[in-house]
């Protein structure tokens, strides 16, 4: 195996029309993709009143219980995660009787306020009508029972599990609530805490209160009263289906406000949000925007010409790469599982100057050969910094971006880029000497 052979298998950015056309470096992926069941755990763990009832084989239910014991905000072995373990008889003849018996025990012992009924791959293959079962259980016990499907064979990673879990909350929301002009909901906070962000502090300083945060820490009551918010902030695209459905059913508008790197994009999101909330943020936004643009101007000379390979980061892939290109940096290879289309503005911004290779994420082992072929200066994402340095490559860290939103993202990104660029130049100088 060599770098040329690996790159020969890949397509360039301008050759891709659909995410299915993104090729992987080898037949096997390491460490591989996470299951949507993991995404469901992440989302349900942040809803304090919610019970997770997993319907699946012993492998899936063991994994879920073991994982929730150690994390995902479920708090120990006696936590809010329960299982209905299916055997060969249930798979062949259906699981309805076993599920209803288990649910009756759950109600008598726990008295849950909200239950997410989470299916796994086997259930999706056998075709049991879990949605109708959830409706019957809902009617019988007068408890919200929300079905969530986490079939792994249809997904690339765990994020659909998060998306589908939060989208399943729509039936719990109440209609006819008066709109609170100073309240917002935050949808899609996948990593970190929104309460630690620049955006949170700026809004709360102007009297804005936070209603539902889904995922990221909320309650049944907050979900029920979510339609009372003036506007939804969507901080990751996985929250978009829920926001669109809330707009359709309740008339709640939404603002896309992801972890953008471009200060122009951040300013536009702030201005749109301020418009809905009738806030005058002109002074604060101008000061933050000007500080960012000055920082960028100072950094361009140091970053121009830097070649890089992009892995998995906390930022939006194509927007981030378009921003890096605007700094004069050259993308050689982009790792991603998604493709928004050739007409996407960020894809077009990249293609105006460069046409990088594109491959699927989560396969750093064969990348070692690609490094030797492309000889990048920087690597973005999860890798071993020591191993990269041995090849003359500096690692760009993004661990401090999880709880950032707004202009603070740009500031943190540019600061880290300048540090990594200086390290890369030092590595080059060592090799020359």
Protein backbone atom coordinates (compact mmCIF):
# COMPACT_ATOMS: atom_id res chain seq x y z
CA UNK A 1 0.00 0.00 0.00
CA UNK A 2 1.25 3.48 -0.86
CA UNK A 3 -0.12 6.99 -0.88
CA UNK A 4 -0.53 7.21 -4.65
CA UNK A 5 -2.64 4.02 -4.78
CA UNK A 6 -4.90 5.28 -1.97
CA UNK A 7 -5.42 8.71 -3.51
CA UNK A 8 -6.14 7.14 -6.91
CA UNK A 9 -9.31 5.61 -5.43
CA UNK A 10 -10.66 8.93 -4.22
CA UNK A 11 -12.72 11.58 -5.98
CA UNK A 12 -12.02 15.28 -6.05
CA UNK A 13 -14.54 17.72 -4.60
CA UNK A 14 -15.81 18.82 -8.01
CA UNK A 15 -16.54 15.18 -8.98
CA UNK A 16 -18.94 14.47 -6.12
CA UNK A 17 -22.69 14.88 -6.58
CA UNK A 18 -23.97 12.97 -3.54
CA UNK A 19 -22.66 11.79 -0.17
CA UNK A 20 -22.84 8.19 -1.42
CA UNK A 21 -20.06 9.01 -3.87
CA UNK A 22 -17.59 9.84 -1.10
CA UNK A 23 -15.17 6.93 -1.05
CA UNK A 24 -13.36 5.52 1.95
CA UNK A 25 -9.63 4.89 2.07
CA UNK A 26 -9.94 1.15 2.78
CA UNK A 27 -12.69 -1.45 2.99
CA UNK A 28 -12.53 -1.47 6.80
CA UNK A 29 -12.87 1.70 8.87
CA UNK A 30 -10.96 2.35 12.06
CA UNK A 31 -12.31 3.06 14.61
CA UNK A 32 -15.53 2.80 12.62
CA UNK A 33 -18.79 4.71 12.90
CA UNK A 34 -20.83 5.04 16.08
CA UNK A 35 -24.32 3.55 16.26
CA UNK A 36 -27.40 5.86 16.36
CA UNK A 37 -28.24 4.12 19.63
CA UNK A 38 -25.35 6.09 21.08
CA UNK A 39 -26.90 9.30 19.76
CA UNK A 40 -30.23 8.44 21.37
CA UNK A 41 -28.43 7.89 24.69
CA UNK A 42 -26.75 11.28 24.40
CA UNK A 43 -30.05 13.07 23.78
CA UNK A 44 -32.21 11.22 26.33
CA UNK A 45 -29.56 11.51 29.02
CA UNK A 46 -29.99 15.29 28.99
CA UNK A 47 -33.77 15.17 29.61
CA UNK A 48 -34.10 14.92 33.37
CA UNK A 49 -37.59 13.36 33.46
CA UNK A 50 -37.08 10.87 30.64
CA UNK A 51 -36.83 7.08 30.73
CA UNK A 52 -34.99 5.22 27.96
CA UNK A 53 -36.56 1.84 27.19
CA UNK A 54 -34.42 -0.08 24.70
CA UNK A 55 -36.06 -2.79 22.63
CA UNK A 56 -33.52 -5.18 21.13
CA UNK A 57 -31.24 -8.20 21.40
CA UNK A 58 -28.98 -8.85 24.37
CA UNK A 59 -25.94 -7.35 22.57
CA UNK A 60 -27.64 -3.98 22.07
CA UNK A 61 -29.27 -3.83 25.47
CA UNK A 62 -26.02 -4.80 27.23
CA UNK A 63 -24.14 -2.11 25.34
CA UNK A 64 -26.75 0.51 26.24
CA UNK A 65 -26.84 -0.32 29.93
CA UNK A 66 -23.06 -0.52 30.20
CA UNK A 67 -22.63 2.80 28.43
CA UNK A 68 -25.25 4.61 30.50
CA UNK A 69 -23.72 3.38 33.75
CA UNK A 70 -20.56 5.28 32.94
CA UNK A 71 -21.91 8.42 31.31
CA UNK A 72 -24.47 10.23 29.16
CA UNK A 73 -25.94 11.89 32.31
CA UNK A 74 -27.77 8.73 33.40
CA UNK A 75 -25.93 8.53 36.75
CA UNK A 76 -24.91 5.01 37.73
CA UNK A 77 -26.33 1.50 37.55
CA UNK A 78 -29.74 2.37 39.01
CA UNK A 79 -30.36 4.86 36.27
CA UNK A 80 -33.08 5.83 33.81
CA UNK A 81 -32.13 3.26 31.17
CA UNK A 82 -34.15 0.02 30.97
CA UNK A 83 -34.22 -2.84 28.48
CA UNK A 84 -36.62 -5.29 26.90
CA UNK A 85 -34.34 -8.12 25.78
CA UNK A 86 -35.60 -10.05 22.76
CA UNK A 87 -34.93 -13.74 22.08
CA UNK A 88 -35.38 -15.87 18.97
CA UNK A 89 -39.08 -16.41 19.70
CA UNK A 90 -39.71 -12.66 19.92
CA UNK A 91 -37.83 -12.05 16.69
CA UNK A 92 -39.83 -14.73 14.88
CA UNK A 93 -43.33 -14.15 16.28
CA UNK A 94 -43.22 -10.53 17.44
CA UNK A 95 -42.38 -8.71 20.65
CA UNK A 96 -45.69 -7.06 21.49
CA UNK A 97 -46.65 -9.22 24.46
CA UNK A 98 -43.19 -9.03 26.01
CA UNK A 99 -43.05 -5.25 25.55
CA UNK A 100 -46.49 -4.69 27.10
CA UNK A 101 -45.65 -6.88 30.09
CA UNK A 102 -42.35 -5.07 30.62
CA UNK A 103 -43.99 -1.66 30.27
CA UNK A 104 -46.59 -2.57 32.88
CA UNK A 105 -43.77 -3.45 35.30
CA UNK A 106 -42.01 -0.19 34.48
CA UNK A 107 -45.09 1.88 35.25
CA UNK A 108 -45.75 0.09 38.56
CA UNK A 109 -42.14 0.34 39.78
CA UNK A 110 -40.95 3.68 38.37
CA UNK A 111 -44.04 5.77 37.50
CA UNK A 112 -42.26 7.48 34.58
CA UNK A 113 -43.30 10.90 33.30
CA UNK A 114 -41.88 10.39 29.80
CA UNK A 115 -40.65 7.26 28.00
CA UNK A 116 -38.56 7.03 24.85
CA UNK A 117 -39.15 3.62 23.27
CA UNK A 118 -35.91 3.02 21.36
CA UNK A 119 -35.71 0.28 18.74
CA UNK A 120 -32.53 -1.34 17.41
CA UNK A 121 -31.53 -2.94 14.11
CA UNK A 122 -33.26 -6.30 14.61
CA UNK A 123 -36.59 -4.59 15.29
CA UNK A 124 -36.32 -2.63 12.07
CA UNK A 125 -35.60 -5.81 10.11
CA UNK A 126 -38.46 -7.83 11.61
CA UNK A 127 -40.93 -5.04 10.98
CA UNK A 128 -42.73 -4.91 14.34
CA UNK A 129 -44.98 -1.84 14.36
CA UNK A 130 -43.39 -0.13 17.34
CA UNK A 131 -45.02 3.21 16.50
CA UNK A 132 -48.51 1.80 16.95
CA UNK A 133 -47.42 0.00 20.13
CA UNK A 134 -46.16 3.31 21.51
CA UNK A 135 -49.51 4.93 20.73
CA UNK A 136 -51.40 2.15 22.50
CA UNK A 137 -49.16 2.37 25.56
CA UNK A 138 -49.55 6.13 25.55
CA UNK A 139 -53.35 5.84 25.55
CA UNK A 140 -53.48 3.07 28.15
CA UNK A 141 -51.20 4.64 30.76
CA UNK A 142 -51.63 8.33 29.84
CA UNK A 143 -47.85 8.69 29.68
CA UNK A 144 -46.03 10.17 26.67
CA UNK A 145 -44.36 7.23 24.91
CA UNK A 146 -42.15 8.44 22.06
CA UNK A 147 -40.76 5.90 19.55
CA UNK A 148 -37.20 6.41 18.28
CA UNK A 149 -35.71 4.22 15.53
CA UNK A 150 -31.94 3.69 15.66
CA UNK A 151 -31.22 1.31 12.79
CA UNK A 152 -27.47 1.45 12.17
CA UNK A 153 -27.59 -0.05 8.68
CA UNK A 154 -29.12 3.18 7.33
CA UNK A 155 -26.67 5.63 8.89
CA UNK A 156 -23.05 6.78 8.69
CA UNK A 157 -22.70 7.75 12.36
CA UNK A 158 -24.52 8.34 15.64
CA UNK A 159 -25.91 11.80 14.84
CA UNK A 160 -29.20 10.57 13.31
CA UNK A 161 -29.91 9.06 16.73
CA UNK A 162 -29.66 12.52 18.29
CA UNK A 163 -31.69 14.11 15.50
CA UNK A 164 -34.50 11.56 15.61
CA UNK A 165 -34.71 11.58 19.41
CA UNK A 166 -35.18 15.32 19.70
CA UNK A 167 -37.54 15.35 16.70
CA UNK A 168 -39.67 12.71 18.45
CA UNK A 169 -40.53 15.27 21.16
CA UNK A 170 -43.03 17.15 18.97
CA UNK A 171 -46.15 15.27 20.26
CA UNK A 172 -45.36 16.38 23.83
CA UNK A 173 -45.44 20.09 22.97
CA UNK A 174 -48.59 22.04 23.84
CA UNK A 175 -50.54 24.18 21.42
CA UNK A 176 -52.17 27.55 22.03
CA UNK A 177 -49.54 28.91 24.42
CA UNK A 178 -49.00 32.69 24.49
CA UNK A 179 -45.66 33.68 22.99
CA UNK A 180 -43.08 35.02 25.44
CA UNK A 181 -41.23 37.85 23.63
CA UNK A 182 -38.04 37.42 25.66
CA UNK A 183 -37.71 33.62 25.50
CA UNK A 184 -35.73 31.46 23.10
CA UNK A 185 -35.16 27.72 22.63
CA UNK A 186 -31.77 26.27 21.74
CA UNK A 187 -31.89 23.24 19.45
CA UNK A 188 -28.97 21.02 18.45
CA UNK A 189 -26.34 21.77 21.14
CA UNK A 190 -24.40 18.56 20.51
CA UNK A 191 -21.21 19.32 22.46
CA UNK A 192 -20.45 21.50 25.43
CA UNK A 193 -22.85 23.81 27.26
CA UNK A 194 -24.74 26.66 25.64
CA UNK A 195 -24.73 28.47 29.00
CA UNK A 196 -20.97 28.91 28.71
CA UNK A 197 -21.05 30.55 25.29
CA UNK A 198 -20.63 34.16 24.23
CA UNK A 199 -24.11 34.04 22.70
CA UNK A 200 -25.75 33.00 25.97
CA UNK A 201 -24.03 35.76 27.95
CA UNK A 202 -24.83 38.41 25.36
CA UNK A 203 -28.52 37.48 25.21
CA UNK A 204 -29.03 37.13 28.96
CA UNK A 205 -27.42 40.54 29.50
CA UNK A 206 -30.32 41.89 27.45
CA UNK A 207 -32.98 40.07 29.45
CA UNK A 208 -33.47 37.03 27.21
CA UNK A 209 -34.35 33.78 29.00
CA UNK A 210 -33.61 30.26 27.79
CA UNK A 211 -36.51 27.86 27.53
CA UNK A 212 -35.92 24.40 26.07
CA UNK A 213 -32.38 23.25 25.31
CA UNK A 214 -32.65 20.06 23.31
CA UNK A 215 -30.32 18.24 23.52
CA UNK A 216 -28.10 19.70 26.18
CA UNK A 217 -30.17 19.71 29.35
CA UNK A 218 -33.92 20.17 29.61
CA UNK A 219 -37.07 18.80 31.27
CA UNK A 220 -40.50 17.54 30.27
CA UNK A 221 -42.05 20.86 31.30
CA UNK A 222 -39.58 22.81 29.16
CA UNK A 223 -40.39 20.62 26.17
CA UNK A 224 -44.13 20.99 26.73
CA UNK A 225 -43.88 24.80 26.83
CA UNK A 226 -41.32 25.12 24.01
CA UNK A 227 -43.88 26.62 21.55
CA UNK A 228 -44.13 29.67 23.85
CA UNK A 229 -40.65 30.81 22.77
CA UNK A 230 -40.31 33.77 20.44
CA UNK A 231 -37.66 32.08 18.29
CA UNK A 232 -35.59 28.90 18.07
CA UNK A 233 -31.81 29.03 17.68
CA UNK A 234 -30.53 26.04 15.69
CA UNK A 235 -26.88 25.57 16.64
CA UNK A 236 -26.33 22.38 14.64
CA UNK A 237 -28.07 21.08 11.54
CA UNK A 238 -29.31 17.98 13.37
CA UNK A 239 -31.78 20.31 15.10
CA UNK A 240 -33.17 21.61 11.81
CA UNK A 241 -35.95 18.97 11.34
CA UNK A 242 -37.36 19.78 14.79
CA UNK A 243 -37.15 23.53 14.19
CA UNK A 244 -38.88 23.22 10.82
CA UNK A 245 -41.65 21.10 12.31
CA UNK A 246 -42.17 23.60 15.15
CA UNK A 247 -42.43 26.40 12.61
CA UNK A 248 -45.02 24.40 10.67
CA UNK A 249 -47.13 23.42 13.70
CA UNK A 250 -46.72 26.37 16.06
CA UNK A 251 -45.42 29.20 13.89
CA UNK A 252 -42.14 29.44 15.82
CA UNK A 253 -39.45 30.94 13.56
CA UNK A 254 -35.87 29.71 13.70
CA UNK A 255 -32.39 31.11 13.08
CA UNK A 256 -29.53 28.92 11.86
CA UNK A 257 -26.61 29.77 14.14
CA UNK A 258 -24.03 27.00 13.94
CA UNK A 259 -20.42 27.14 15.12
CA UNK A 260 -19.47 29.32 12.20
CA UNK A 261 -15.88 30.43 11.72
CA UNK A 262 -16.58 33.30 9.35
CA UNK A 263 -17.25 36.59 11.19
CA UNK A 264 -19.55 37.71 8.36
CA UNK A 265 -21.71 34.62 8.84
CA UNK A 266 -21.73 35.10 12.62
CA UNK A 267 -22.72 38.75 12.30
CA UNK A 268 -25.60 37.86 9.96
CA UNK A 269 -26.90 35.23 12.40
CA UNK A 270 -26.75 37.66 15.31
CA UNK A 271 -28.56 40.34 13.32
CA UNK A 272 -31.33 37.96 12.27
CA UNK A 273 -31.75 36.79 15.87
CA UNK A 274 -31.78 40.36 17.18
CA UNK A 275 -34.49 41.20 14.66
CA UNK A 276 -36.84 38.52 15.99
CA UNK A 277 -36.15 39.53 19.60
CA UNK A 278 -36.32 43.28 18.85
CA UNK A 279 -32.93 43.87 20.45
CA UNK A 280 -30.43 46.59 19.60
CA UNK A 281 -27.08 44.79 19.65
CA UNK A 282 -25.37 47.12 17.18
CA UNK A 283 -22.65 48.41 19.51
CA UNK A 284 -21.66 45.00 20.90
CA UNK A 285 -21.71 43.28 17.51
CA UNK A 286 -19.69 45.94 15.75
CA UNK A 287 -17.00 45.80 18.42
CA UNK A 288 -16.74 42.01 18.29
CA UNK A 289 -16.83 41.92 14.48
CA UNK A 290 -14.10 44.55 14.13
CA UNK A 291 -11.89 42.74 16.64
CA UNK A 292 -12.23 39.51 14.65
CA UNK A 293 -11.49 41.09 11.29
CA UNK A 294 -8.39 42.79 12.72
CA UNK A 295 -7.20 39.44 14.10
CA UNK A 296 -7.78 37.78 10.73
CA UNK A 297 -5.90 40.49 8.84
CA UNK A 298 -2.93 40.08 11.16
CA UNK A 299 -2.96 36.29 10.76
CA UNK A 300 -3.22 35.99 6.97
CA UNK A 301 0.47 36.52 6.32
CA UNK A 302 1.32 33.69 8.71
CA UNK A 303 -1.31 31.30 7.36
CA UNK A 304 -1.14 31.93 3.62
CA UNK A 305 0.15 28.89 1.71
CA UNK A 306 -0.32 26.46 4.59
CA UNK A 307 -1.40 23.06 3.22
CA UNK A 308 -3.67 20.91 5.35
CA UNK A 309 -5.71 17.74 5.70
CA UNK A 310 -9.10 18.20 7.32
CA UNK A 311 -10.47 15.56 9.69
CA UNK A 312 -13.39 15.63 12.11
CA UNK A 313 -13.81 18.87 14.12
CA UNK A 314 -16.50 20.56 16.20
CA UNK A 315 -17.24 23.05 13.39
CA UNK A 316 -19.38 22.78 10.26
CA UNK A 317 -17.16 21.05 7.71
CA UNK A 318 -17.67 23.02 4.51
CA UNK A 319 -18.17 26.43 6.14
CA UNK A 320 -14.96 25.95 8.11
CA UNK A 321 -12.99 24.86 5.04
CA UNK A 322 -14.32 27.82 3.06
CA UNK A 323 -13.12 30.09 5.87
CA UNK A 324 -9.68 28.46 5.85
CA UNK A 325 -9.45 28.96 2.09
CA UNK A 326 -10.32 32.65 2.58
CA UNK A 327 -7.23 32.87 4.82
CA UNK A 328 -5.04 31.67 1.96
CA UNK A 329 -4.74 28.09 3.18
CA UNK A 330 -4.86 25.08 0.83
CA UNK A 331 -7.05 22.03 1.55
CA UNK A 332 -5.46 18.86 0.16
CA UNK A 333 -7.89 16.29 1.57
CA UNK A 334 -11.26 16.74 3.33
CA UNK A 335 -12.63 13.92 5.45
CA UNK A 336 -16.42 13.97 5.79
CA UNK A 337 -19.51 11.76 5.54
CA UNK A 338 -21.74 14.53 4.20
CA UNK A 339 -22.11 16.51 1.01
CA UNK A 340 -24.52 19.47 0.69
CA UNK A 341 -24.41 19.59 -3.12
CA UNK A 342 -22.31 21.30 -5.77
CA UNK A 343 -24.46 24.45 -5.58
CA UNK A 344 -23.70 24.93 -1.88
CA UNK A 345 -22.08 28.35 -1.31
CA UNK A 346 -19.27 26.92 0.82
CA UNK A 347 -18.45 24.17 -1.67
CA UNK A 348 -18.34 26.79 -4.40
CA UNK A 349 -16.06 29.02 -2.31
CA UNK A 350 -13.61 26.14 -1.89
CA UNK A 351 -13.73 25.18 -5.57
CA UNK A 352 -13.02 28.74 -6.70
CA UNK A 353 -9.42 28.23 -5.56
CA UNK A 354 -8.82 24.53 -4.86
CA UNK A 355 -10.14 21.08 -5.69
CA UNK A 356 -9.18 18.81 -2.77
CA UNK A 357 -9.61 15.06 -2.47
CA UNK A 358 -12.61 13.95 -0.37
CA UNK A 359 -12.88 10.77 1.70
CA UNK A 360 -14.94 9.36 4.55
CA UNK A 361 -13.98 10.13 8.12
CA UNK A 362 -12.65 7.79 10.83
CA UNK A 363 -9.84 5.95 9.09
CA UNK A 364 -6.54 7.43 10.22
CA UNK A 365 -4.46 4.28 9.73
CA UNK A 366 -4.16 4.44 5.92
CA UNK A 367 -3.76 8.20 6.19
CA UNK A 368 -0.18 7.59 7.31
CA UNK A 369 0.66 6.75 3.68
CA UNK A 370 -1.27 9.78 2.43
CA UNK A 371 0.79 12.08 4.66
CA UNK A 372 3.95 10.89 2.95
CA UNK A 373 2.43 11.60 -0.46
CA UNK A 374 0.73 14.97 0.14
CA UNK A 375 3.15 16.32 2.76
CA UNK A 376 0.69 18.67 4.50
CA UNK A 377 1.74 21.28 7.03
CA UNK A 378 -1.32 20.92 9.26
CA UNK A 379 -3.87 18.30 10.29
CA UNK A 380 -7.33 19.20 11.63
CA UNK A 381 -9.15 16.70 13.85
CA UNK A 382 -8.39 13.67 15.98
CA UNK A 383 -4.92 12.25 15.48
CA UNK A 384 -1.77 11.53 17.46
CA UNK A 385 0.23 14.75 17.69
CA UNK A 386 3.54 12.96 18.27
CA UNK A 387 3.07 10.75 15.22
CA UNK A 388 2.20 13.78 13.11
CA UNK A 389 5.25 15.74 14.28
CA UNK A 390 7.48 12.87 13.22
CA UNK A 391 6.20 13.48 9.70
CA UNK A 392 6.65 17.24 9.95
CA UNK A 393 2.93 17.96 10.48
CA UNK A 394 1.42 20.13 13.24
CA UNK A 395 -1.92 19.18 14.80
CA UNK A 396 -4.61 21.89 14.98
CA UNK A 397 -6.52 21.41 18.24
CA UNK A 398 -10.24 22.17 18.57
CA UNK A 399 -10.95 20.82 22.06
CA UNK A 400 -11.77 24.30 23.37
CA UNK A 401 -14.54 24.94 20.83
CA UNK A 402 -17.27 22.74 22.33
CA UNK A 403 -18.74 25.46 24.52
CA UNK A 404 -18.17 28.38 22.14
CA UNK A 405 -20.63 30.12 19.85
CA UNK A 406 -20.42 33.46 18.09
CA UNK A 407 -17.36 35.60 17.48
CA UNK A 408 -15.46 33.73 20.18
CA UNK A 409 -15.28 30.81 17.74
CA UNK A 410 -13.41 32.93 15.20
CA UNK A 411 -11.07 34.27 17.86
CA UNK A 412 -10.25 30.79 19.19
CA UNK A 413 -9.82 29.33 15.70
CA UNK A 414 -7.46 32.03 14.45
CA UNK A 415 -5.40 31.94 17.65
CA UNK A 416 -4.96 28.17 17.34
CA UNK A 417 -4.20 28.38 13.62
CA UNK A 418 -1.39 30.86 14.26
CA UNK A 419 0.05 28.62 16.97
CA UNK A 420 -0.12 25.52 14.75
CA UNK A 421 1.34 27.38 11.76
CA UNK A 422 4.28 28.53 13.87
CA UNK A 423 4.84 24.93 14.98
CA UNK A 424 4.66 23.70 11.38
CA UNK A 425 7.27 26.24 10.28
CA UNK A 426 9.52 25.17 13.14
CA UNK A 427 9.21 21.55 12.06
CA UNK A 428 10.15 22.51 8.52
CA UNK A 429 13.18 24.44 9.77
CA UNK A 430 14.35 21.44 11.80
CA UNK A 431 14.13 19.17 8.77
CA UNK A 432 16.06 21.62 6.60
CA UNK A 433 18.80 21.99 9.19
